[in-house]
Amino acid sequence: MNIIISFLLLIISSNALASAILQFPKLKCSTGTLQLNIVDVSFCPLTSNLERINFLGLSEQTVTILNNGEELTIGLNPPDISISNLHKKFNLTVHEFFLSLYEGTLKTDNLGLIKEAFDIDKSNKMKVYKKGNVFAFTITGSNAEYDRIYLNKIDSDVIYQITGEFDEKGVLDILSRIEY
């Protein structure tokens, strides 16, 4: 009887976790909107209050957008910069690392320290959005230095990091303007 109850709890918790991964919002970009290409990610900013666009460096791998006084940075960041290659320490792909961080299943005694390094706590929540094989791991809240979105594809070590000051509504707006 205990085995059956344990099995049912496992199924229920797995379904609860699967439903916790949210879908990307509907794409707002169209052929008439401005498209900024950062390697293989395209972003269409609102142009009504667009103040400045800066491509940083010579390789066009990072762009900052100043829109209505709010700065947003989108950049291709290798895992050694964006997550200090932590995925390698756990013998995981980048995608598996982020998913394990979200689920709280990293096999370590230092999970609290790792969450602290990513500013994940009661005031700064991590959420996951999915569109096909593209995942957005978001960290937003009141006491983070800046809010972040990490874009990653399954079985890829490529990470696009989006940083700025935004809330959950802002996350949805940003994700609705991303094609990857």
Protein backbone atom coordinates (compact mmCIF):
# COMPACT_ATOMS: atom_id res chain seq x y z
CA MET A 1 0.00 0.00 0.00
CA ASN A 2 2.86 2.40 0.84
CA ILE A 3 4.40 1.73 -2.57
CA ILE A 4 1.16 2.70 -4.32
CA ILE A 5 0.84 5.91 -2.28
CA SER A 6 4.48 6.79 -2.96
CA PHE A 7 3.97 6.16 -6.68
CA LEU A 8 0.86 8.37 -6.77
CA LEU A 9 2.67 11.16 -4.93
CA LEU A 10 5.51 10.93 -7.44
CA ILE A 11 3.07 11.23 -10.35
CA ILE A 12 1.26 14.16 -8.74
CA SER A 13 4.49 16.02 -7.94
CA SER A 14 5.86 15.38 -11.46
CA ASN A 15 2.66 16.76 -13.00
CA ALA A 16 2.77 19.79 -10.69
CA LEU A 17 6.35 20.52 -11.72
CA ALA A 18 5.61 20.05 -15.42
CA SER A 19 2.72 22.50 -15.15
CA ALA A 20 5.00 25.02 -13.41
CA ILE A 21 6.91 25.52 -16.67
CA LEU A 22 5.07 28.31 -18.43
CA GLN A 23 4.67 28.93 -22.15
CA PHE A 24 6.26 31.91 -23.88
CA PRO A 25 3.71 34.65 -24.63
CA LYS A 26 2.49 35.24 -28.17
CA LEU A 27 5.10 36.92 -30.40
CA LYS A 28 4.53 40.69 -30.88
CA CYS A 29 7.06 41.15 -33.69
CA SER A 30 5.92 41.53 -37.26
CA THR A 31 7.48 42.43 -40.59
CA GLY A 32 6.95 46.13 -39.91
CA THR A 33 8.77 46.22 -36.56
CA LEU A 34 12.43 47.04 -35.95
CA GLN A 35 14.47 43.85 -35.58
CA LEU A 36 17.76 43.76 -33.66
CA ASN A 37 19.82 40.65 -34.33
CA ILE A 38 22.25 39.50 -31.66
CA VAL A 39 23.95 36.48 -33.25
CA ASP A 40 20.96 34.11 -33.68
CA VAL A 41 18.48 35.89 -31.38
CA SER A 42 16.20 38.55 -32.75
CA PHE A 43 14.58 41.20 -30.55
CA CYS A 44 12.02 43.76 -31.66
CA PRO A 45 11.95 46.70 -29.23
CA LEU A 46 9.11 49.18 -28.92
CA THR A 47 10.12 52.07 -31.13
CA SER A 48 7.72 54.72 -29.81
CA ASN A 49 10.01 55.69 -26.92
CA LEU A 50 13.29 54.31 -28.22
CA GLU A 51 16.15 56.57 -27.16
CA ARG A 52 19.34 54.66 -27.96
CA ILE A 53 20.70 51.34 -29.22
CA ASN A 54 24.37 50.47 -28.62
CA PHE A 55 26.13 47.42 -29.97
CA LEU A 56 28.98 46.79 -27.55
CA GLY A 57 32.30 45.56 -28.88
CA LEU A 58 33.14 44.73 -32.44
CA SER A 59 31.42 41.38 -32.63
CA GLU A 60 27.79 42.56 -32.14
CA GLN A 61 27.26 39.92 -29.45
CA THR A 62 25.84 42.39 -26.92
CA VAL A 63 23.37 45.22 -27.35
CA THR A 64 21.99 47.77 -24.88
CA ILE A 65 18.66 49.38 -25.54
CA LEU A 66 17.48 52.53 -23.78
CA ASN A 67 13.72 52.76 -24.07
CA ASN A 68 11.64 55.22 -22.08
CA GLY A 69 14.47 55.66 -19.55
CA GLU A 70 14.79 51.89 -18.99
CA GLU A 71 17.99 50.11 -20.04
CA LEU A 72 17.92 46.53 -21.27
CA THR A 73 21.03 44.53 -22.19
CA ILE A 74 20.93 41.41 -24.35
CA GLY A 75 24.14 39.48 -24.82
CA LEU A 76 25.62 36.17 -25.80
CA ASN A 77 27.46 35.07 -22.66
CA PRO A 78 29.53 31.90 -22.52
CA PRO A 79 28.77 29.65 -19.52
CA ASP A 80 32.10 30.48 -17.88
CA ILE A 81 30.92 34.10 -17.54
CA SER A 82 27.18 33.77 -16.98
CA ILE A 83 27.16 30.76 -14.63
CA SER A 84 30.86 30.29 -13.80
CA ASN A 85 30.79 26.87 -15.51
CA LEU A 86 28.82 25.45 -12.57
CA HIS A 87 27.13 23.01 -14.93
CA LYS A 88 30.48 21.26 -15.44
CA LYS A 89 30.98 20.85 -11.70
CA PHE A 90 27.74 18.85 -11.59
CA ASN A 91 28.41 17.05 -14.88
CA LEU A 92 25.28 18.60 -16.42
CA THR A 93 24.43 20.48 -19.57
CA VAL A 94 23.66 24.18 -19.15
CA HIS A 95 19.97 23.39 -19.63
CA GLU A 96 20.04 20.61 -17.02
CA PHE A 97 21.85 22.91 -14.58
CA PHE A 98 19.23 25.65 -14.85
CA LEU A 99 16.37 23.16 -14.61
CA SER A 100 17.95 21.53 -11.54
CA LEU A 101 18.49 24.95 -9.98
CA TYR A 102 14.82 25.78 -10.60
CA GLU A 103 13.62 22.44 -9.23
CA GLY A 104 16.04 22.59 -6.28
CA THR A 105 17.47 19.19 -7.19
CA LEU A 106 21.16 20.00 -7.63
CA LYS A 107 23.08 17.31 -5.80
CA THR A 108 25.04 19.51 -3.43
CA ASP A 109 25.18 20.60 0.17
CA ASN A 110 25.68 24.15 -1.08
CA LEU A 111 22.37 24.68 -2.90
CA GLY A 112 21.60 27.65 -0.65
CA LEU A 113 24.88 29.33 -1.59
CA ILE A 114 24.31 28.72 -5.29
CA LYS A 115 20.80 30.18 -5.06
CA GLU A 116 22.24 33.13 -3.16
CA ALA A 117 24.79 33.72 -5.93
CA PHE A 118 21.89 33.91 -8.40
CA ASP A 119 19.85 36.14 -6.02
CA ILE A 120 17.13 33.48 -5.71
CA ASP A 121 15.24 33.79 -2.45
CA LYS A 122 11.78 34.66 -1.06
CA SER A 123 11.89 38.11 -2.66
CA ASN A 124 13.49 37.04 -5.95
CA LYS A 125 11.72 34.21 -7.69
CA MET A 126 12.91 31.97 -10.48
CA LYS A 127 10.43 30.98 -13.19
CA VAL A 128 10.77 28.95 -16.36
CA TYR A 129 9.18 29.62 -19.74
CA LYS A 130 9.29 27.30 -22.74
CA LYS A 131 8.74 27.57 -26.48
CA GLY A 132 9.70 24.46 -28.44
CA ASN A 133 13.26 23.64 -27.39
CA VAL A 134 13.96 27.20 -26.15
CA PHE A 135 13.78 27.86 -22.43
CA ALA A 136 13.85 31.17 -20.56
CA PHE A 137 14.99 30.94 -16.94
CA THR A 138 13.97 34.19 -15.27
CA ILE A 139 14.99 35.72 -11.94
CA THR A 140 13.04 38.80 -10.90
CA GLY A 141 12.33 40.44 -7.60
CA SER A 142 12.63 43.35 -5.28
CA ASN A 143 16.14 43.02 -3.92
CA ALA A 144 18.16 41.73 -6.86
CA GLU A 145 20.73 44.16 -8.24
CA TYR A 146 19.20 43.58 -11.65
CA ASP A 147 16.63 41.20 -13.07
CA ARG A 148 17.74 38.48 -15.45
CA ILE A 149 16.50 36.20 -18.18
CA TYR A 150 18.74 33.36 -19.32
CA LEU A 151 17.81 31.97 -22.75
CA ASN A 152 19.04 28.48 -23.54
CA LYS A 153 18.15 25.63 -25.88
CA ILE A 154 18.05 22.00 -24.85
CA ASP A 155 21.45 20.32 -25.44
CA SER A 156 23.18 23.67 -26.03
CA ASP A 157 25.80 25.45 -23.96
CA VAL A 158 24.89 28.78 -25.55
CA ILE A 159 23.39 31.29 -23.10
CA TYR A 160 21.85 34.62 -23.95
CA GLN A 161 21.56 36.77 -20.86
CA ILE A 162 19.05 39.61 -20.73
CA THR A 163 19.46 42.04 -17.84
CA GLY A 164 17.70 45.16 -16.67
CA GLU A 165 15.05 46.36 -14.24
CA PHE A 166 11.79 44.57 -14.99
CA ASP A 167 8.98 42.75 -13.22
CA GLU A 168 6.89 39.75 -14.30
CA LYS A 169 4.90 41.91 -16.72
CA GLY A 170 8.20 43.13 -18.17
CA VAL A 171 9.42 39.53 -18.53
CA LEU A 172 6.32 38.66 -20.57
CA ASP A 173 6.80 41.74 -22.76
CA ILE A 174 10.48 40.92 -23.36
CA LEU A 175 9.75 37.25 -24.13
CA SER A 176 7.00 38.30 -26.57
CA ARG A 177 9.64 40.25 -28.52
CA ILE A 178 12.26 37.47 -28.74
CA GLU A 179 12.77 35.05 -31.62
CA TYR A 180 15.39 32.35 -31.11
